């Protein structure tokens, strides 16, 4: 099965779409709701969407498969992997649909889009001289993501690192990135000002204004098999170590691209440690890492010389996801 998804045949896209549809079927036979993080906006909107199950079903498939196709395009276009493949696409869909809890449309799915757009612009900067507009765009997309979830604003550290890591340094680009980041918050500020509700807490969304629906908490630790959580953590560690050795034999361009992906994972992880204590670990904490994890997981599954071991890991991953639907 892994061999099929490692290929670059066009029919794989249809197969992944059918997999996404099958993953969503249990949503009609379950009763799960959103568990809000303190820092996420728009939860009430997504609650209304999910209340209409067929609408949540349709949007989840369109958004997740669409974002998976975009990530797969980036992996192939920028040669993040040694071959053109659809493996990132199927991994992205499976990681999002890891259990019935993962099928509930939430703010993270919108957040992924802005992170993918920002990542795309960062990859385009390689060896360019003056990229004021690209840097502004990166700051703008991260600003939009931060409006949804403030902690990802820490990714501006990654932007400033990339500016000096992949190209010659120009001080105006740092200014452009900050201006781009601020623009979404200017619109948010203006919105609250016009509605006579302008406060720092509203602009930054620092209060626990989102509410939690009982009793269906979407905690990864409560609604997901411990076996799956441990497997993901162990394979993430193994894949990160494997990726670090993988980049040593790659050309400089690919080495720098993979380094950016690894740093994306690290900074997202640090943002969780800073803003989201383990006592509030929920579905968002898991989904936040899916973009970098997808690429990092793809590297050993493609590059391992013992293909039977890679096949076994992939089968175990799929079986654990199936098992999560029966918890």
Protein backbone atom coordinates (compact mmCIF):
# COMPACT_ATOMS: atom_id res chain seq x y z
CA UNK A 1 0.00 0.00 0.00
CA UNK A 2 2.84 2.40 0.81
CA UNK A 3 4.33 1.77 -2.63
CA UNK A 4 1.11 2.99 -4.25
CA UNK A 5 1.12 6.30 -2.40
CA UNK A 6 4.86 6.78 -2.98
CA UNK A 7 4.20 6.92 -6.71
CA UNK A 8 3.32 10.09 -8.61
CA UNK A 9 0.44 8.70 -10.66
CA UNK A 10 -2.51 11.14 -11.07
CA UNK A 11 -5.09 8.54 -9.98
CA UNK A 12 -3.61 8.66 -6.44
CA UNK A 13 -5.37 12.00 -5.92
CA UNK A 14 -8.73 10.31 -6.51
CA UNK A 15 -7.77 7.47 -4.18
CA UNK A 16 -6.83 9.93 -1.40
CA UNK A 17 -10.13 11.76 -1.90
CA UNK A 18 -11.99 8.45 -1.42
CA UNK A 19 -9.93 7.76 1.72
CA UNK A 20 -10.95 11.19 3.09
CA UNK A 21 -14.61 10.41 2.41
CA UNK A 22 -14.35 7.04 4.21
CA UNK A 23 -12.64 8.69 7.17
CA UNK A 24 -15.53 11.13 7.53
CA UNK A 25 -18.33 8.54 7.47
CA UNK A 26 -18.14 7.81 11.25
CA UNK A 27 -18.83 11.50 11.88
CA UNK A 28 -22.53 10.83 11.14
CA UNK A 29 -22.67 8.14 13.84
CA UNK A 30 -20.90 10.02 16.63
CA UNK A 31 -21.55 12.98 18.87
CA UNK A 32 -18.41 15.06 19.32
CA UNK A 33 -18.03 18.81 19.75
CA UNK A 34 -15.34 21.44 19.85
CA UNK A 35 -13.06 21.91 22.83
CA UNK A 36 -11.77 25.45 22.65
CA UNK A 37 -8.27 26.58 23.39
CA UNK A 38 -8.04 29.85 25.29
CA UNK A 39 -6.26 31.49 22.36
CA UNK A 40 -8.33 30.37 19.36
CA UNK A 41 -10.80 32.67 17.63
CA UNK A 42 -13.88 31.77 15.64
CA UNK A 43 -14.83 28.67 17.65
CA UNK A 44 -18.55 29.66 17.74
CA UNK A 45 -18.55 29.91 13.93
CA UNK A 46 -17.11 26.43 13.55
CA UNK A 47 -19.60 25.12 16.11
CA UNK A 48 -22.45 26.36 13.91
CA UNK A 49 -20.88 24.76 10.84
CA UNK A 50 -20.38 21.42 12.60
CA UNK A 51 -23.95 21.48 13.86
CA UNK A 52 -24.93 20.79 10.22
CA UNK A 53 -23.11 17.49 9.84
CA UNK A 54 -23.21 17.24 6.06
CA UNK A 55 -21.74 20.76 5.80
CA UNK A 56 -18.94 19.98 8.25
CA UNK A 57 -18.34 16.70 6.37
CA UNK A 58 -18.09 18.46 3.01
CA UNK A 59 -15.91 21.34 4.19
CA UNK A 60 -13.54 19.02 6.08
CA UNK A 61 -12.91 16.97 2.95
CA UNK A 62 -12.46 20.02 0.71
CA UNK A 63 -10.16 21.87 3.13
CA UNK A 64 -8.04 18.93 4.29
CA UNK A 65 -7.58 17.38 0.84
CA UNK A 66 -6.96 20.82 -0.68
CA UNK A 67 -4.31 21.69 1.91
CA UNK A 68 -2.80 18.23 1.51
CA UNK A 69 -2.49 18.79 -2.25
CA UNK A 70 -0.84 22.15 -1.59
CA UNK A 71 1.68 20.64 0.85
CA UNK A 72 2.34 17.79 -1.57
CA UNK A 73 2.98 20.35 -4.32
CA UNK A 74 5.51 22.18 -2.13
CA UNK A 75 7.30 18.92 -1.30
CA UNK A 76 7.62 17.99 -4.99
CA UNK A 77 8.26 21.49 -6.37
CA UNK A 78 11.09 22.28 -3.94
CA UNK A 79 12.50 18.73 -3.90
CA UNK A 80 12.03 18.28 -0.17
CA UNK A 81 11.96 14.56 -0.92
CA UNK A 82 14.18 12.64 -3.32
CA UNK A 83 11.31 11.72 -5.63
CA UNK A 84 8.00 13.11 -6.78
CA UNK A 85 5.37 11.40 -4.70
CA UNK A 86 1.89 11.60 -3.20
CA UNK A 87 3.02 10.36 0.20
CA UNK A 88 2.77 13.79 1.91
CA UNK A 89 -0.81 14.07 0.63
CA UNK A 90 -2.03 10.79 2.15
CA UNK A 91 -0.08 11.37 5.40
CA UNK A 92 -1.58 14.85 5.78
CA UNK A 93 -5.11 13.48 5.35
CA UNK A 94 -4.53 10.54 7.72
CA UNK A 95 -2.92 12.72 10.39
CA UNK A 96 -5.89 15.11 10.26
CA UNK A 97 -8.38 12.24 10.40
CA UNK A 98 -6.59 10.32 13.15
CA UNK A 99 -9.89 9.75 15.00
CA UNK A 100 -13.50 10.94 15.01
CA UNK A 101 -12.31 13.90 17.08
CA UNK A 102 -10.06 14.95 14.20
CA UNK A 103 -13.03 15.12 11.83
CA UNK A 104 -14.54 18.10 13.65
CA UNK A 105 -13.81 21.23 11.62
CA UNK A 106 -12.01 23.82 13.73
CA UNK A 107 -9.83 26.92 13.58
CA UNK A 108 -6.66 24.87 13.05
CA UNK A 109 -7.78 23.92 9.56
CA UNK A 110 -7.94 27.60 8.62
CA UNK A 111 -4.64 28.18 10.39
CA UNK A 112 -2.95 25.51 8.25
CA UNK A 113 -3.77 27.42 5.07
CA UNK A 114 -1.96 30.56 6.23
CA UNK A 115 1.01 28.53 7.46
CA UNK A 116 1.28 26.80 4.08
CA UNK A 117 1.15 30.14 2.28
CA UNK A 118 3.85 31.54 4.58
CA UNK A 119 6.02 28.43 4.12
CA UNK A 120 5.67 28.70 0.34
CA UNK A 121 6.90 32.29 0.37
CA UNK A 122 9.84 31.38 2.61
CA UNK A 123 10.92 28.59 0.26
CA UNK A 124 10.76 31.02 -2.68
CA UNK A 125 13.30 33.31 -0.98
CA UNK A 126 16.25 30.98 -1.56
CA UNK A 127 19.23 32.78 -3.08
CA UNK A 128 17.14 35.84 -4.00
CA UNK A 129 18.69 39.24 -3.39
CA UNK A 130 15.90 41.64 -2.46
CA UNK A 131 12.60 40.03 -1.55
CA UNK A 132 10.74 42.80 0.25
CA UNK A 133 7.37 41.76 -1.15
CA UNK A 134 7.86 38.06 -0.36
CA UNK A 135 8.96 38.90 3.19
CA UNK A 136 5.97 41.22 3.59
CA UNK A 137 3.70 38.39 2.41
CA UNK A 138 5.24 35.96 4.89
CA UNK A 139 4.71 38.44 7.73
CA UNK A 140 1.15 39.07 6.53
CA UNK A 141 0.23 35.36 6.44
CA UNK A 142 1.75 34.74 9.86
CA UNK A 143 -0.12 37.81 11.08
CA UNK A 144 -3.38 36.32 9.79
CA UNK A 145 -2.54 33.03 11.48
CA UNK A 146 -1.77 34.90 14.71
CA UNK A 147 -5.15 36.63 14.58
CA UNK A 148 -6.65 33.13 14.71
CA UNK A 149 -4.14 31.76 17.23
CA UNK A 150 -1.78 34.27 18.85
CA UNK A 151 1.02 31.82 19.87
CA UNK A 152 2.00 31.17 16.23
CA UNK A 153 3.26 34.74 16.16
CA UNK A 154 6.45 33.17 17.50
CA UNK A 155 7.05 32.02 13.90
CA UNK A 156 8.30 35.53 13.17
CA UNK A 157 11.53 34.25 14.74
CA UNK A 158 11.67 31.69 11.94
CA UNK A 159 11.06 34.39 9.33
CA UNK A 160 13.95 36.50 10.60
CA UNK A 161 16.18 33.43 10.65
CA UNK A 162 15.21 32.49 7.07
CA UNK A 163 15.98 36.02 5.83
CA UNK A 164 19.61 35.62 6.84
CA UNK A 165 19.87 31.85 6.27
CA UNK A 166 18.85 31.45 2.62
CA UNK A 167 19.92 34.78 1.06
CA UNK A 168 22.00 37.93 1.47
CA UNK A 169 20.74 40.17 4.28
CA UNK A 170 18.94 43.49 3.66
CA UNK A 171 17.69 45.39 6.70
CA UNK A 172 14.55 46.62 4.92
CA UNK A 173 13.29 43.04 4.72
CA UNK A 174 13.09 42.84 8.51
CA UNK A 175 10.99 46.00 8.50
CA UNK A 176 8.79 44.60 5.70
CA UNK A 177 8.15 41.41 7.67
CA UNK A 178 7.07 43.37 10.74
CA UNK A 179 4.79 45.62 8.68
CA UNK A 180 3.19 42.57 7.07
CA UNK A 181 2.65 40.96 10.46
CA UNK A 182 1.02 44.10 11.89
CA UNK A 183 -1.45 44.70 9.04
CA UNK A 184 -4.03 42.01 10.07
CA UNK A 185 -4.02 43.36 13.62
CA UNK A 186 -4.65 46.88 12.28
CA UNK A 187 -7.85 45.60 10.66
CA UNK A 188 -8.85 43.76 13.86
CA UNK A 189 -8.21 46.92 15.89
CA UNK A 190 -10.30 49.00 13.48
CA UNK A 191 -13.14 46.45 13.67
CA UNK A 192 -13.33 46.63 17.47
CA UNK A 193 -12.93 50.41 17.39
CA UNK A 194 -15.92 50.78 15.05
CA UNK A 195 -17.94 48.51 17.32
CA UNK A 196 -16.97 50.47 20.48
CA UNK A 197 -15.35 47.41 21.96
CA UNK A 198 -11.66 48.19 21.59
CA UNK A 199 -9.52 46.53 24.25
CA UNK A 200 -6.11 44.88 24.15
CA UNK A 201 -7.70 41.59 25.24
CA UNK A 202 -10.10 41.65 22.27
CA UNK A 203 -7.43 42.56 19.71
CA UNK A 204 -4.98 39.89 20.88
CA UNK A 205 -7.68 37.48 22.07
CA UNK A 206 -5.96 36.84 25.37
CA UNK A 207 -9.02 36.14 27.47
CA UNK A 208 -10.70 32.75 27.76
CA UNK A 209 -13.64 34.07 25.78
CA UNK A 210 -14.15 30.82 23.91
CA UNK A 211 -16.24 28.33 25.80
CA UNK A 212 -15.94 24.62 26.35
CA UNK A 213 -18.77 22.29 25.47
CA UNK A 214 -19.41 19.50 27.95
CA UNK A 215 -19.19 16.59 28.17
CA UNK A 216 -17.45 15.88 24.86
CA UNK A 217 -13.96 17.28 25.42
CA UNK A 218 -11.74 16.69 22.42
CA UNK A 219 -8.60 15.96 24.42
CA UNK A 220 -6.02 13.96 22.52
CA UNK A 221 -5.18 12.16 25.74
CA UNK A 222 -8.82 11.36 26.54
CA UNK A 223 -10.29 10.54 23.14
CA UNK A 224 -7.30 8.88 21.51
CA UNK A 225 -5.57 5.58 22.15
CA UNK A 226 -2.43 5.95 24.20
CA UNK A 227 -0.82 3.54 21.75
CA UNK A 228 -1.37 6.02 18.94
CA UNK A 229 0.00 8.97 20.96
CA UNK A 230 3.12 7.02 21.93
CA UNK A 231 3.59 5.78 18.35
CA UNK A 232 3.37 9.31 16.92
CA UNK A 233 5.81 10.66 19.51
CA UNK A 234 8.35 7.87 18.97
CA UNK A 235 8.12 7.99 15.19
CA UNK A 236 8.41 11.80 15.30
CA UNK A 237 11.65 11.49 17.27
CA UNK A 238 12.96 8.77 14.94
CA UNK A 239 11.97 10.77 11.83
CA UNK A 240 13.62 13.94 13.16
CA UNK A 241 16.89 12.09 13.81
CA UNK A 242 16.63 10.39 10.41
CA UNK A 243 16.00 13.78 8.75
CA UNK A 244 19.06 15.29 10.41
CA UNK A 245 21.21 12.55 8.87
CA UNK A 246 19.30 12.81 5.58
CA UNK A 247 20.12 16.49 5.08
CA UNK A 248 23.83 15.83 5.47
CA UNK A 249 23.95 14.11 2.08
CA UNK A 250 21.69 16.59 0.28
CA UNK A 251 22.66 19.60 -1.81
CA UNK A 252 22.81 22.90 0.09
CA UNK A 253 19.44 24.10 -1.21
CA UNK A 254 17.52 21.03 -0.02
CA UNK A 255 19.49 21.01 3.24
CA UNK A 256 18.32 24.52 4.01
CA UNK A 257 14.73 23.74 3.05
CA UNK A 258 14.56 20.73 5.40
CA UNK A 259 16.18 22.80 8.15
CA UNK A 260 13.35 25.33 7.79
CA UNK A 261 10.79 22.51 8.15
CA UNK A 262 12.53 21.19 11.28
CA UNK A 263 12.68 24.67 12.81
CA UNK A 264 9.00 25.16 12.01
CA UNK A 265 8.26 22.09 14.13
CA UNK A 266 10.55 23.23 16.95
CA UNK A 267 9.07 26.74 17.17
CA UNK A 268 5.49 25.44 17.08
CA UNK A 269 6.41 23.04 19.87
CA UNK A 270 7.98 25.83 21.94
CA UNK A 271 4.90 28.01 21.40
CA UNK A 272 2.80 25.23 22.92
CA UNK A 273 5.09 24.92 25.91
CA UNK A 274 4.89 28.66 26.52
CA UNK A 275 1.18 29.30 25.90
CA UNK A 276 -0.60 25.96 26.37
CA UNK A 277 0.24 24.05 29.58
CA UNK A 278 -0.03 20.27 29.40
CA UNK A 279 -3.18 20.52 31.52
CA UNK A 280 -4.93 22.13 28.54
CA UNK A 281 -3.59 19.72 25.91
CA UNK A 282 -6.35 19.17 23.36
CA UNK A 283 -7.04 18.44 19.72
CA UNK A 284 -5.48 21.74 18.62
CA UNK A 285 -2.16 20.89 20.27
CA UNK A 286 -1.89 17.82 18.05
CA UNK A 287 -3.17 19.34 14.82
CA UNK A 288 -0.86 22.34 15.05
CA UNK A 289 2.16 20.17 14.20
CA UNK A 290 0.69 18.31 11.23
CA UNK A 291 2.36 20.34 8.44
CA UNK A 292 6.01 19.83 9.50
CA UNK A 293 5.29 16.32 10.83
CA UNK A 294 3.94 15.28 7.42
CA UNK A 295 7.20 16.16 5.66
CA UNK A 296 9.39 14.75 8.44
CA UNK A 297 7.43 11.46 8.45
CA UNK A 298 7.68 11.22 4.65
CA UNK A 299 11.49 11.31 4.63
CA UNK A 300 12.20 7.96 6.37
CA UNK A 301 9.22 6.24 4.73
CA UNK A 302 10.72 7.06 1.34
CA UNK A 303 14.43 6.84 2.13
CA UNK A 304 14.60 3.73 4.33
CA UNK A 305 16.56 1.06 2.48
CA UNK A 306 14.56 -1.73 4.08
CA UNK A 307 11.25 -1.09 2.39
CA UNK A 308 9.49 -3.84 4.36
CA UNK A 309 10.15 -1.95 7.60
CA UNK A 310 8.75 1.24 6.04
CA UNK A 311 5.71 -0.70 4.84
CA UNK A 312 5.25 -2.16 8.33
CA UNK A 313 5.40 1.28 9.96
CA UNK A 314 2.84 2.64 7.51
CA UNK A 315 0.48 -0.33 8.05
CA UNK A 316 0.81 0.06 11.83
CA UNK A 317 0.02 3.77 11.50
CA UNK A 318 -3.13 3.04 9.48
CA UNK A 319 -4.26 0.28 11.84
CA UNK A 320 -3.88 2.57 14.85
CA UNK A 321 -6.00 5.22 13.16
CA UNK A 322 -8.68 2.62 12.46
CA UNK A 323 -8.48 1.56 16.09
CA UNK A 324 -9.00 5.15 17.25
CA UNK A 325 -12.45 5.14 15.66
CA UNK A 326 -13.59 2.42 18.05
CA UNK A 327 -12.48 4.13 21.29
